[in-house]
Amino acid sequence: MHGMRAPEAGAAFLRPSSLQWLERQLKKQVPAEYFLLTFTLPAEFRALSFAHQRVVYDLLMRCAWETVRTFSQNDRQLQGTPGAIAVLHTHTRQLDYHPHVHLVMPAAAVDGEHRLWRAKRRKAKGGYLFSHKALAKVFRAKMLAAIEAAGLTLPPRYPTAWVVDCKSVGSGEPALIYLGRYLYRGVIAEKDIVACDNGQVSFRYRNAKTGRMERRTVSGAQFLWLVLQHVLPKGFRRARNFGFLHPNCTRLIALLHLLLKFAPGRALAWVKARPPILCSCCGAVMVIVKTRIRSGIAAVMPVPIVIQGVY
């Protein structure tokens, strides 16, 4: 996540639809340190993933969530169900095929059985959530079992050590802005296509290691393929919310804000207001009174009405 801008600056580059998504996520903020976790599928699984995109992408997101939920429930400080915002990416900055999932997760959990809220203490230099090596081992086991359970054939060879990255991102705002940029547009912005001459297309990207802008030139046909291979299956949701950050847990979030005396309005101060929706008959500003969201996630955590203790 090199080159991430400050929240106010980064949000200026978001489209209205991405801003609305970001606004919904910021309204769910809780007083805890946030972490960005990245679960990557090894290169040996890319052929399988591309051939069965809907199945493998879904398993990738679910297994990543199940991994952090397992660690949260077994963690001495948390001992409960966490919340996470998951976003699927299928590309590198160079537009190569590279399926991986980003999870933005607060270091906090809700114990539904005892109705308790627990959060890890923040540290000035960035705290610790879970061991990335242990996360990778559990994620690997869950993903392999899920692929076999789905009736798919595992590659003949694959690495024993997988990669999971876990880093502190403070309040979570920069990470959410970073992820929001790619939600409602293609894998490359038009401004990053710098040349198209003699059947060759040149585009720029930021090198993740050096932070510098670099250029890649490919044939026109190859460029089209680089873009089209990242088109998701029809109806597939790239971004999903899990645990206490699920859309069905609105009452729980409101209760936590009240009990913890936390107002997420400060983070929303710089988010542009949505344009008004005008009535086609009288021209008056319309008000949204109810939004219906169909849940595609099974076993959503029940919302407690009363919390007996706050940690």
C-alpha atoms as a PDB file:
ATOM      1  CA  MET A   1       0.000   0.000   0.000  1.00  0.00           C
ATOM      2  CA  HIS A   2       2.771   2.368  -0.905  1.00  0.00           C
ATOM      3  CA  GLY A   3       1.759   5.847  -1.958  1.00  0.00           C
ATOM      4  CA  MET A   4      -1.536   5.991  -0.055  1.00  0.00           C
ATOM      5  CA  ARG A   5      -2.715   9.574   0.262  1.00  0.00           C
ATOM      6  CA  ALA A   6      -4.222  11.261   3.280  1.00  0.00           C
ATOM      7  CA  PRO A   7      -7.971  10.529   3.590  1.00  0.00           C
ATOM      8  CA  GLU A   8      -9.108  13.952   2.350  1.00  0.00           C
ATOM      9  CA  ALA A   9      -6.783  13.893  -0.657  1.00  0.00           C
ATOM     10  CA  GLY A  10      -7.458  10.293  -1.594  1.00  0.00           C
ATOM     11  CA  ALA A  11     -11.230  10.650  -1.402  1.00  0.00           C
ATOM     12  CA  ALA A  12     -11.116  13.405  -4.000  1.00  0.00           C
ATOM     13  CA  PHE A  13     -10.205  10.763  -6.611  1.00  0.00           C
ATOM     14  CA  LEU A  14     -13.166   8.490  -5.811  1.00  0.00           C
ATOM     15  CA  ARG A  15     -16.224   8.253  -8.000  1.00  0.00           C
ATOM     16  CA  PRO A  16     -19.654   9.053  -6.492  1.00  0.00           C
ATOM     17  CA  SER A  17     -20.512   5.346  -6.217  1.00  0.00           C
ATOM     18  CA  SER A  18     -17.201   4.651  -4.456  1.00  0.00           C
ATOM     19  CA  LEU A  19     -17.800   7.605  -2.135  1.00  0.00           C
ATOM     20  CA  GLN A  20     -21.182   6.182  -1.182  1.00  0.00           C
ATOM     21  CA  TRP A  21     -19.578   2.824  -0.399  1.00  0.00           C
ATOM     22  CA  LEU A  22     -16.870   4.562   1.626  1.00  0.00           C
ATOM     23  CA  GLU A  23     -19.503   6.557   3.511  1.00  0.00           C
ATOM     24  CA  ARG A  24     -21.326   3.360   4.479  1.00  0.00           C
ATOM     25  CA  GLN A  25     -18.104   1.812   5.780  1.00  0.00           C
ATOM     26  CA  LEU A  26     -17.090   4.896   7.766  1.00  0.00           C
ATOM     27  CA  LYS A  27     -20.488   4.975   9.466  1.00  0.00           C
ATOM     28  CA  LYS A  28     -19.645   1.536  10.864  1.00  0.00           C
ATOM     29  CA  GLN A  29     -16.300   2.568  12.341  1.00  0.00           C
ATOM     30  CA  VAL A  30     -15.623   1.431  15.892  1.00  0.00           C
ATOM     31  CA  PRO A  31     -13.054   2.701  18.437  1.00  0.00           C
ATOM     32  CA  ALA A  32     -10.330   0.149  17.714  1.00  0.00           C
ATOM     33  CA  GLU A  33      -7.092  -0.154  15.793  1.00  0.00           C
ATOM     34  CA  TYR A  34      -7.672  -1.378  12.237  1.00  0.00           C
ATOM     35  CA  PHE A  35      -5.594  -3.887  10.291  1.00  0.00           C
ATOM     36  CA  LEU A  36      -5.291  -4.669   6.598  1.00  0.00           C
ATOM     37  CA  LEU A  37      -4.930  -8.387   5.885  1.00  0.00           C
ATOM     38  CA  THR A  38      -4.149  -9.706   2.400  1.00  0.00           C
ATOM     39  CA  PHE A  39      -4.797 -13.353   1.520  1.00  0.00           C
ATOM     40  CA  THR A  40      -3.103 -14.433  -1.721  1.00  0.00           C
ATOM     41  CA  LEU A  41      -3.797 -17.507  -3.824  1.00  0.00           C
ATOM     42  CA  PRO A  42      -0.518 -19.146  -4.995  1.00  0.00           C
ATOM     43  CA  ALA A  43       0.381 -18.971  -8.686  1.00  0.00           C
ATOM     44  CA  GLU A  44      -0.193 -22.718  -9.092  1.00  0.00           C
ATOM     45  CA  PHE A  45      -3.928 -22.157  -8.491  1.00  0.00           C
ATOM     46  CA  ARG A  46      -4.432 -19.403 -11.062  1.00  0.00           C
ATOM     47  CA  ALA A  47      -5.443 -21.740 -13.898  1.00  0.00           C
ATOM     48  CA  LEU A  48      -7.993 -23.421 -11.638  1.00  0.00           C
ATOM     49  CA  SER A  49      -9.210 -20.053 -10.412  1.00  0.00           C
ATOM     50  CA  PHE A  50      -9.672 -18.655 -13.912  1.00  0.00           C
ATOM     51  CA  ALA A  51     -11.501 -21.778 -15.113  1.00  0.00           C
ATOM     52  CA  HIS A  52     -13.920 -21.723 -12.138  1.00  0.00           C
ATOM     53  CA  GLN A  53     -14.009 -18.056 -11.215  1.00  0.00           C
ATOM     54  CA  ARG A  54     -17.339 -17.861  -9.425  1.00  0.00           C
ATOM     55  CA  VAL A  55     -16.584 -20.850  -7.210  1.00  0.00           C
ATOM     56  CA  VAL A  56     -12.946 -20.101  -6.398  1.00  0.00           C
ATOM     57  CA  TYR A  57     -13.456 -16.370  -5.834  1.00  0.00           C
ATOM     58  CA  ASP A  58     -16.291 -17.109  -3.434  1.00  0.00           C
ATOM     59  CA  LEU A  59     -14.189 -19.697  -1.596  1.00  0.00           C
ATOM     60  CA  LEU A  60     -11.270 -17.285  -1.437  1.00  0.00           C
ATOM     61  CA  MET A  61     -13.363 -14.617   0.290  1.00  0.00           C
ATOM     62  CA  ARG A  62     -15.136 -17.031   2.618  1.00  0.00           C
ATOM     63  CA  CYS A  63     -11.989 -18.890   3.665  1.00  0.00           C
ATOM     64  CA  ALA A  64     -10.209 -15.611   4.380  1.00  0.00           C
ATOM     65  CA  TRP A  65     -13.107 -14.574   6.624  1.00  0.00           C
ATOM     66  CA  GLU A  66     -13.347 -17.976   8.306  1.00  0.00           C
ATOM     67  CA  THR A  67      -9.618 -17.797   9.057  1.00  0.00           C
ATOM     68  CA  VAL A  68      -9.767 -14.434  10.863  1.00  0.00           C
ATOM     69  CA  ARG A  69     -12.966 -15.467  12.647  1.00  0.00           C
ATOM     70  CA  THR A  70     -11.250 -18.609  13.951  1.00  0.00           C
ATOM     71  CA  PHE A  71      -8.263 -16.613  15.177  1.00  0.00           C
ATOM     72  CA  SER A  72     -10.489 -14.000  16.798  1.00  0.00           C
ATOM     73  CA  GLN A  73     -12.540 -16.585  18.668  1.00  0.00           C
ATOM     74  CA  ASN A  74      -9.367 -18.278  19.951  1.00  0.00           C
ATOM     75  CA  ASP A  75      -7.556 -15.050  20.826  1.00  0.00           C
ATOM     76  CA  ARG A  76      -7.292 -14.414  24.589  1.00  0.00           C
ATOM     77  CA  GLN A  77      -8.066 -10.715  24.266  1.00  0.00           C
ATOM     78  CA  LEU A  78     -10.925 -11.007  21.782  1.00  0.00           C
ATOM     79  CA  GLN A  79     -12.768 -14.323  22.299  1.00  0.00           C
ATOM     80  CA  GLY A  80     -15.611 -13.397  20.001  1.00  0.00           C
ATOM     81  CA  THR A  81     -16.835 -12.759  16.468  1.00  0.00           C
ATOM     82  CA  PRO A  82     -14.953  -9.978  14.658  1.00  0.00           C
ATOM     83  CA  GLY A  83     -16.064  -7.740  11.812  1.00  0.00           C
ATOM     84  CA  ALA A  84     -14.359  -7.383   8.457  1.00  0.00           C
ATOM     85  CA  ILE A  85     -14.714  -5.594   5.136  1.00  0.00           C
ATOM     86  CA  ALA A  86     -13.500  -7.830   2.304  1.00  0.00           C
ATOM     87  CA  VAL A  87     -12.630  -6.719  -1.231  1.00  0.00           C
ATOM     88  CA  LEU A  88     -11.571  -9.106  -3.998  1.00  0.00           C
ATOM     89  CA  HIS A  89      -8.806  -8.087  -6.396  1.00  0.00           C
ATOM     90  CA  THR A  90      -7.733 -10.214  -9.359  1.00  0.00           C
ATOM     91  CA  HIS A  91      -4.918  -8.059 -10.740  1.00  0.00           C
ATOM     92  CA  THR A  92      -1.491  -6.698  -9.964  1.00  0.00           C
ATOM     93  CA  ARG A  93      -0.532  -3.107 -10.671  1.00  0.00           C
ATOM     94  CA  GLN A  94       0.857  -4.377 -14.002  1.00  0.00           C
ATOM     95  CA  LEU A  95      -2.607  -5.898 -14.748  1.00  0.00           C
ATOM     96  CA  ASP A  96      -1.398  -9.503 -14.535  1.00  0.00           C
ATOM     97  CA  TYR A  97      -3.795 -12.139 -13.165  1.00  0.00           C
ATOM     98  CA  HIS A  98      -3.242 -12.441  -9.418  1.00  0.00           C
ATOM     99  CA  PRO A  99      -6.336 -13.292  -7.297  1.00  0.00           C
ATOM    100  CA  HIS A 100      -6.188 -12.064  -3.702  1.00  0.00           C
ATOM    101  CA  VAL A 101      -8.502 -10.701  -1.025  1.00  0.00           C
ATOM    102  CA  HIS A 102      -8.012  -7.652   1.182  1.00  0.00           C
ATOM    103  CA  LEU A 103      -9.692  -7.589   4.599  1.00  0.00           C
ATOM    104  CA  VAL A 104      -9.965  -4.380   6.607  1.00  0.00           C
ATOM    105  CA  MET A 105     -10.604  -5.511  10.165  1.00  0.00           C
ATOM    106  CA  PRO A 106     -10.771  -3.718  13.529  1.00  0.00           C
ATOM    107  CA  ALA A 107      -8.937  -5.432  16.405  1.00  0.00           C
ATOM    108  CA  ALA A 108     -12.213  -5.969  18.235  1.00  0.00           C
ATOM    109  CA  ALA A 109     -14.885  -8.618  18.643  1.00  0.00           C
ATOM    110  CA  VAL A 110     -18.372  -9.193  20.014  1.00  0.00           C
ATOM    111  CA  ASP A 111     -19.047 -12.134  22.319  1.00  0.00           C
ATOM    112  CA  GLY A 112     -22.653 -12.890  21.388  1.00  0.00           C
ATOM    113  CA  GLU A 113     -23.106 -15.508  24.108  1.00  0.00           C
ATOM    114  CA  HIS A 114     -22.051 -13.240  26.988  1.00  0.00           C
ATOM    115  CA  ARG A 115     -22.948  -9.988  25.203  1.00  0.00           C
ATOM    116  CA  LEU A 116     -19.513  -8.486  25.661  1.00  0.00           C
ATOM    117  CA  TRP A 117     -17.414  -6.131  23.521  1.00  0.00           C
ATOM    118  CA  ARG A 118     -13.669  -6.645  23.558  1.00  0.00           C
ATOM    119  CA  ALA A 119     -10.919  -4.708  21.777  1.00  0.00           C
ATOM    120  CA  LYS A 120      -7.157  -4.931  21.765  1.00  0.00           C
ATOM    121  CA  ARG A 121      -5.329  -1.916  23.114  1.00  0.00           C
ATOM    122  CA  ARG A 122      -3.891   0.464  20.565  1.00  0.00           C
ATOM    123  CA  LYS A 123      -0.161   1.089  20.436  1.00  0.00           C
ATOM    124  CA  ALA A 124       1.572   4.222  19.230  1.00  0.00           C
ATOM    125  CA  LYS A 125       3.751   2.408  16.657  1.00  0.00           C
ATOM    126  CA  GLY A 126       1.061   0.033  15.467  1.00  0.00           C
ATOM    127  CA  GLY A 127      -0.227  -2.953  17.358  1.00  0.00           C
ATOM    128  CA  TYR A 128      -0.259  -6.684  16.788  1.00  0.00           C
ATOM    129  CA  LEU A 129      -3.268  -8.636  15.608  1.00  0.00           C
ATOM    130  CA  PHE A 130      -2.338 -12.183  14.574  1.00  0.00           C
ATOM    131  CA  SER A 131       0.765 -14.030  13.360  1.00  0.00           C
ATOM    132  CA  HIS A 132       0.875 -13.827   9.566  1.00  0.00           C
ATOM    133  CA  LYS A 133       2.590 -17.231   9.371  1.00  0.00           C
ATOM    134  CA  ALA A 134      -0.106 -18.882  11.482  1.00  0.00           C
ATOM    135  CA  LEU A 135      -2.817 -17.156   9.425  1.00  0.00           C
ATOM    136  CA  ALA A 136      -1.258 -18.515   6.239  1.00  0.00           C
ATOM    137  CA  LYS A 137      -1.220 -22.097   7.563  1.00  0.00           C
ATOM    138  CA  VAL A 138      -4.876 -22.046   8.603  1.00  0.00           C
ATOM    139  CA  PHE A 139      -5.969 -20.251   5.429  1.00  0.00           C
ATOM    140  CA  ARG A 140      -4.119 -22.847   3.328  1.00  0.00           C
ATOM    141  CA  ALA A 141      -5.844 -25.724   5.118  1.00  0.00           C
ATOM    142  CA  LYS A 142      -9.291 -24.153   4.814  1.00  0.00           C
ATOM    143  CA  MET A 143      -8.831 -23.287   1.144  1.00  0.00           C
ATOM    144  CA  LEU A 144      -7.585 -26.735   0.153  1.00  0.00           C
ATOM    145  CA  ALA A 145     -10.467 -28.422   1.982  1.00  0.00           C
ATOM    146  CA  ALA A 146     -13.005 -26.036   0.439  1.00  0.00           C
ATOM    147  CA  ILE A 147     -11.712 -26.595  -3.110  1.00  0.00           C
ATOM    148  CA  GLU A 148     -11.946 -30.371  -2.713  1.00  0.00           C
ATOM    149  CA  ALA A 149     -15.401 -30.091  -1.129  1.00  0.00           C
ATOM    150  CA  ALA A 150     -16.536 -28.078  -4.161  1.00  0.00           C
ATOM    151  CA  GLY A 151     -15.591 -31.009  -6.397  1.00  0.00           C
ATOM    152  CA  LEU A 152     -12.605 -29.291  -8.037  1.00  0.00           C
ATOM    153  CA  THR A 153      -9.269 -30.971  -8.687  1.00  0.00           C
ATOM    154  CA  LEU A 154      -6.265 -29.544  -6.884  1.00  0.00           C
ATOM    155  CA  PRO A 155      -3.129 -28.742  -8.904  1.00  0.00           C
ATOM    156  CA  PRO A 156      -0.558 -31.583  -8.938  1.00  0.00           C
ATOM    157  CA  ARG A 157       1.958 -29.359  -7.152  1.00  0.00           C
ATOM    158  CA  TYR A 158       1.569 -26.318  -4.933  1.00  0.00           C
ATOM    159  CA  PRO A 159       3.679 -24.679  -2.215  1.00  0.00           C
ATOM    160  CA  THR A 160       3.488 -25.701   1.421  1.00  0.00           C
ATOM    161  CA  ALA A 161       3.985 -22.090   2.545  1.00  0.00           C
ATOM    162  CA  TRP A 162       1.338 -19.571   1.468  1.00  0.00           C
ATOM    163  CA  VAL A 163       1.401 -15.791   1.890  1.00  0.00           C
ATOM    164  CA  VAL A 164      -0.813 -13.738   4.199  1.00  0.00           C
ATOM    165  CA  ASP A 165       0.128 -10.161   5.054  1.00  0.00           C
ATOM    166  CA  CYS A 166      -1.130  -8.344   8.155  1.00  0.00           C
ATOM    167  CA  LYS A 167      -0.352  -4.704   8.925  1.00  0.00           C
ATOM    168  CA  SER A 168      -1.774  -1.931  11.085  1.00  0.00           C
ATOM    169  CA  VAL A 169      -3.637   0.846   9.259  1.00  0.00           C
ATOM    170  CA  GLY A 170      -4.646   3.034  12.201  1.00  0.00           C
ATOM    171  CA  SER A 171      -8.270   4.135  11.969  1.00  0.00           C
ATOM    172  CA  GLY A 172      -8.725   2.218   8.712  1.00  0.00           C
ATOM    173  CA  GLU A 173      -9.642   5.240   6.576  1.00  0.00           C
ATOM    174  CA  PRO A 174      -6.602   5.178   4.227  1.00  0.00           C
ATOM    175  CA  ALA A 175      -7.055   1.445   3.606  1.00  0.00           C
ATOM    176  CA  LEU A 176     -10.762   1.847   2.825  1.00  0.00           C
ATOM    177  CA  ILE A 177     -10.043   4.699   0.419  1.00  0.00           C
ATOM    178  CA  TYR A 178      -7.364   2.603  -1.260  1.00  0.00           C
ATOM    179  CA  LEU A 179      -9.814  -0.265  -1.764  1.00  0.00           C
ATOM    180  CA  GLY A 180     -12.666   2.020  -2.760  1.00  0.00           C
ATOM    181  CA  ARG A 181     -10.784   3.320  -5.793  1.00  0.00           C
ATOM    182  CA  TYR A 182     -11.153  -0.022  -7.605  1.00  0.00           C
ATOM    183  CA  LEU A 183     -14.730  -0.931  -6.730  1.00  0.00           C
ATOM    184  CA  TYR A 184     -16.753   0.865  -9.381  1.00  0.00           C
ATOM    185  CA  ARG A 185     -14.328   1.310 -12.251  1.00  0.00           C
ATOM    186  CA  GLY A 186     -12.161  -0.913 -14.416  1.00  0.00           C
ATOM    187  CA  VAL A 187      -8.790  -2.245 -13.387  1.00  0.00           C
ATOM    188  CA  ILE A 188      -7.083   0.743 -14.995  1.00  0.00           C
ATOM    189  CA  ALA A 189      -8.031   4.411 -15.165  1.00  0.00           C
ATOM    190  CA  GLU A 190      -8.146   6.082 -18.560  1.00  0.00           C
ATOM    191  CA  LYS A 191      -5.596   8.678 -17.450  1.00  0.00           C
ATOM    192  CA  ASP A 192      -3.051   5.882 -16.879  1.00  0.00           C
ATOM    193  CA  ILE A 193      -3.135   4.842 -20.547  1.00  0.00           C
ATOM    194  CA  VAL A 194      -0.375   7.132 -21.783  1.00  0.00           C
ATOM    195  CA  ALA A 195       0.109   6.049 -25.412  1.00  0.00           C
ATOM    196  CA  CYS A 196      -1.521   4.027 -28.196  1.00  0.00           C
ATOM    197  CA  ASP A 197       0.610   3.998 -31.352  1.00  0.00           C
ATOM    198  CA  ASN A 198       1.465   1.464 -34.076  1.00  0.00           C
ATOM    199  CA  GLY A 199      -0.587  -1.273 -32.476  1.00  0.00           C
ATOM    200  CA  GLN A 200       1.148  -0.833 -29.124  1.00  0.00           C
ATOM    201  CA  VAL A 201      -0.431   0.377 -25.875  1.00  0.00           C
ATOM    202  CA  SER A 202       1.580   1.910 -23.042  1.00  0.00           C
ATOM    203  CA  PHE A 203       0.205   2.377 -19.553  1.00  0.00           C
ATOM    204  CA  ARG A 204       1.695   3.536 -16.297  1.00  0.00           C
ATOM    205  CA  TYR A 205       1.526   2.032 -12.833  1.00  0.00           C
ATOM    206  CA  ARG A 206       3.102   2.605  -9.460  1.00  0.00           C
ATOM    207  CA  ASN A 207       5.808   0.141  -8.427  1.00  0.00           C
ATOM    208  CA  ALA A 208       4.723  -1.240  -5.030  1.00  0.00           C
ATOM    209  CA  LYS A 209       8.302  -1.648  -3.819  1.00  0.00           C
ATOM    210  CA  THR A 210       9.854   1.662  -4.927  1.00  0.00           C
ATOM    211  CA  GLY A 211       6.720   3.831  -4.979  1.00  0.00           C
ATOM    212  CA  ARG A 212       7.778   5.200  -8.381  1.00  0.00           C
ATOM    213  CA  MET A 213       5.674   5.368 -11.523  1.00  0.00           C
ATOM    214  CA  GLU A 214       6.744   2.924 -14.241  1.00  0.00           C
ATOM    215  CA  ARG A 215       5.527   2.163 -17.755  1.00  0.00           C
ATOM    216  CA  ARG A 216       4.554  -1.094 -19.478  1.00  0.00           C
ATOM    217  CA  THR A 217       4.079  -1.446 -23.250  1.00  0.00           C
ATOM    218  CA  VAL A 218       2.187  -4.356 -24.827  1.00  0.00           C
ATOM    219  CA  SER A 219       0.388  -5.048 -28.084  1.00  0.00           C
ATOM    220  CA  GLY A 220      -3.188  -3.859 -28.456  1.00  0.00           C
ATOM    221  CA  ALA A 221      -4.537  -7.411 -28.358  1.00  0.00           C
ATOM    222  CA  GLN A 222      -2.535  -8.251 -25.245  1.00  0.00           C
ATOM    223  CA  PHE A 223      -3.726  -5.079 -23.531  1.00  0.00           C
ATOM    224  CA  LEU A 224      -7.355  -6.002 -24.214  1.00  0.00           C
ATOM    225  CA  TRP A 225      -6.699  -9.445 -22.758  1.00  0.00           C
ATOM    226  CA  LEU A 226      -5.015  -7.962 -19.669  1.00  0.00           C
ATOM    227  CA  VAL A 227      -8.179  -5.956 -19.007  1.00  0.00           C
ATOM    228  CA  LEU A 228     -10.820  -8.539 -19.950  1.00  0.00           C
ATOM    229  CA  GLN A 229      -9.352 -11.324 -17.800  1.00  0.00           C
ATOM    230  CA  HIS A 230     -10.369  -9.311 -14.722  1.00  0.00           C
ATOM    231  CA  VAL A 231     -14.067  -9.025 -15.617  1.00  0.00           C
ATOM    232  CA  LEU A 232     -15.919 -10.731 -12.779  1.00  0.00           C
ATOM    233  CA  PRO A 233     -18.734 -13.256 -13.294  1.00  0.00           C
ATOM    234  CA  LYS A 234     -22.117 -11.592 -13.703  1.00  0.00           C
ATOM    235  CA  GLY A 235     -23.655 -10.668 -10.363  1.00  0.00           C
ATOM    236  CA  PHE A 236     -20.550 -11.498  -8.330  1.00  0.00           C
ATOM    237  CA  ARG A 237     -20.039  -9.062  -5.428  1.00  0.00           C
ATOM    238  CA  ARG A 238     -16.458  -7.872  -5.184  1.00  0.00           C
ATOM    239  CA  ALA A 239     -16.961  -6.250  -1.758  1.00  0.00           C
ATOM    240  CA  ARG A 240     -18.593  -7.985   1.214  1.00  0.00           C
ATOM    241  CA  ASN A 241     -19.046  -7.265   4.906  1.00  0.00           C
ATOM    242  CA  PHE A 242     -18.769  -9.974   7.539  1.00  0.00           C
ATOM    243  CA  GLY A 243     -19.416 -10.387  11.251  1.00  0.00           C
ATOM    244  CA  PHE A 244     -20.610  -7.355  13.189  1.00  0.00           C
ATOM    245  CA  LEU A 245     -19.913  -5.167  10.125  1.00  0.00           C
ATOM    246  CA  HIS A 246     -22.532  -7.022   8.067  1.00  0.00           C
ATOM    247  CA  PRO A 247     -25.434  -4.822   6.821  1.00  0.00           C
ATOM    248  CA  ASN A 248     -27.836  -6.798   9.042  1.00  0.00           C
ATOM    249  CA  CYS A 249     -25.975  -5.593  12.159  1.00  0.00           C
ATOM    250  CA  THR A 250     -26.963  -1.923  11.905  1.00  0.00           C
ATOM    251  CA  ARG A 251     -28.662  -2.006  15.327  1.00  0.00           C
ATOM    252  CA  LEU A 252     -25.584  -3.542  16.901  1.00  0.00           C
ATOM    253  CA  ILE A 253     -23.296  -0.846  15.464  1.00  0.00           C
ATOM    254  CA  ALA A 254     -25.630   1.879  16.714  1.00  0.00           C
ATOM    255  CA  LEU A 255     -25.658   0.278  20.167  1.00  0.00           C
ATOM    256  CA  LEU A 256     -21.859   0.076  20.250  1.00  0.00           C
ATOM    257  CA  HIS A 257     -21.545   3.734  19.271  1.00  0.00           C
ATOM    258  CA  LEU A 258     -23.899   4.653  22.098  1.00  0.00           C
ATOM    259  CA  LEU A 259     -22.266   2.524  24.807  1.00  0.00           C
ATOM    260  CA  LEU A 260     -18.694   3.338  23.765  1.00  0.00           C
ATOM    261  CA  LYS A 261     -19.516   7.033  23.285  1.00  0.00           C
ATOM    262  CA  PHE A 262     -18.013   6.969  19.824  1.00  0.00           C
ATOM    263  CA  ALA A 263     -19.191   9.230  16.997  1.00  0.00           C
ATOM    264  CA  PRO A 264     -17.942   8.285  13.514  1.00  0.00           C
ATOM    265  CA  GLY A 265     -19.068  11.690  12.226  1.00  0.00           C
ATOM    266  CA  ARG A 266     -15.550  13.115  12.419  1.00  0.00           C
ATOM    267  CA  ALA A 267     -14.341  10.746   9.741  1.00  0.00           C
ATOM    268  CA  LEU A 268     -17.375  11.554   7.590  1.00  0.00           C
ATOM    269  CA  ALA A 269     -16.857  15.323   7.741  1.00  0.00           C
ATOM    270  CA  TRP A 270     -14.846  15.442   4.513  1.00  0.00           C
ATOM    271  CA  VAL A 271     -17.004  12.952   2.564  1.00  0.00           C
ATOM    272  CA  LYS A 272     -19.026  14.732  -0.094  1.00  0.00           C
ATOM    273  CA  ALA A 273     -22.772  14.706   0.472  1.00  0.00           C
ATOM    274  CA  ARG A 274     -24.865  12.614  -1.894  1.00  0.00           C
ATOM    275  CA  PRO A 275     -26.688  14.576  -4.599  1.00  0.00           C
ATOM    276  CA  PRO A 276     -30.405  14.926  -3.779  1.00  0.00           C
ATOM    277  CA  ILE A 277     -32.929  12.626  -5.458  1.00  0.00           C
ATOM    278  CA  LEU A 278     -35.730  14.743  -6.911  1.00  0.00           C
ATOM    279  CA  CYS A 279     -39.295  13.611  -7.420  1.00  0.00           C
ATOM    280  CA  SER A 280     -40.123  13.314 -11.143  1.00  0.00           C
ATOM    281  CA  CYS A 281     -43.626  14.681 -10.506  1.00  0.00           C
ATOM    282  CA  CYS A 282     -43.262  17.680  -8.172  1.00  0.00           C
ATOM    283  CA  GLY A 283     -39.515  18.250  -8.152  1.00  0.00           C
ATOM    284  CA  ALA A 284     -39.223  18.028  -4.345  1.00  0.00           C
ATOM    285  CA  VAL A 285     -36.265  16.342  -2.665  1.00  0.00           C
ATOM    286  CA  MET A 286     -37.056  12.720  -1.871  1.00  0.00           C
ATOM    287  CA  VAL A 287     -36.073  10.991   1.374  1.00  0.00           C
ATOM    288  CA  ILE A 288     -34.875   7.370   1.605  1.00  0.00           C
ATOM    289  CA  VAL A 289     -37.017   5.782   4.334  1.00  0.00           C
ATOM    290  CA  LYS A 290     -35.898   2.177   3.951  1.00  0.00           C
ATOM    291  CA  THR A 291     -33.291   0.177   2.052  1.00  0.00           C
ATOM    292  CA  ARG A 292     -33.688  -3.521   1.384  1.00  0.00           C
ATOM    293  CA  ILE A 293     -30.449  -5.507   1.218  1.00  0.00           C
ATOM    294  CA  ARG A 294     -30.523  -9.171   0.293  1.00  0.00           C
ATOM    295  CA  SER A 295     -27.991 -11.101   2.359  1.00  0.00           C
ATOM    296  CA  GLY A 296     -25.795 -13.568   0.509  1.00  0.00           C
ATOM    297  CA  ILE A 297     -23.958 -14.603   3.647  1.00  0.00           C
ATOM    298  CA  ALA A 298     -25.175 -17.496   5.746  1.00  0.00           C
ATOM    299  CA  ALA A 299     -25.077 -17.668   9.513  1.00  0.00           C
ATOM    300  CA  VAL A 300     -25.099 -13.942  10.188  1.00  0.00           C
ATOM    301  CA  MET A 301     -24.288 -13.188  13.814  1.00  0.00           C
ATOM    302  CA  PRO A 302     -27.414 -12.323  15.848  1.00  0.00           C
ATOM    303  CA  VAL A 303     -27.688  -8.774  17.092  1.00  0.00           C
ATOM    304  CA  PRO A 304     -27.682  -8.519  20.900  1.00  0.00           C
ATOM    305  CA  ILE A 305     -30.166  -6.076  22.397  1.00  0.00           C
ATOM    306  CA  VAL A 306     -28.236  -5.419  25.599  1.00  0.00           C
ATOM    307  CA  ILE A 307     -24.503  -5.478  26.260  1.00  0.00           C
ATOM    308  CA  GLN A 308     -23.714  -6.289  29.867  1.00  0.00           C
ATOM    309  CA  GLY A 309     -20.072  -5.235  29.843  1.00  0.00           C
ATOM    310  CA  VAL A 310     -17.634  -3.226  27.783  1.00  0.00           C
ATOM    311  CA  TYR A 311     -13.915  -3.983  27.710  1.00  0.00           C
END
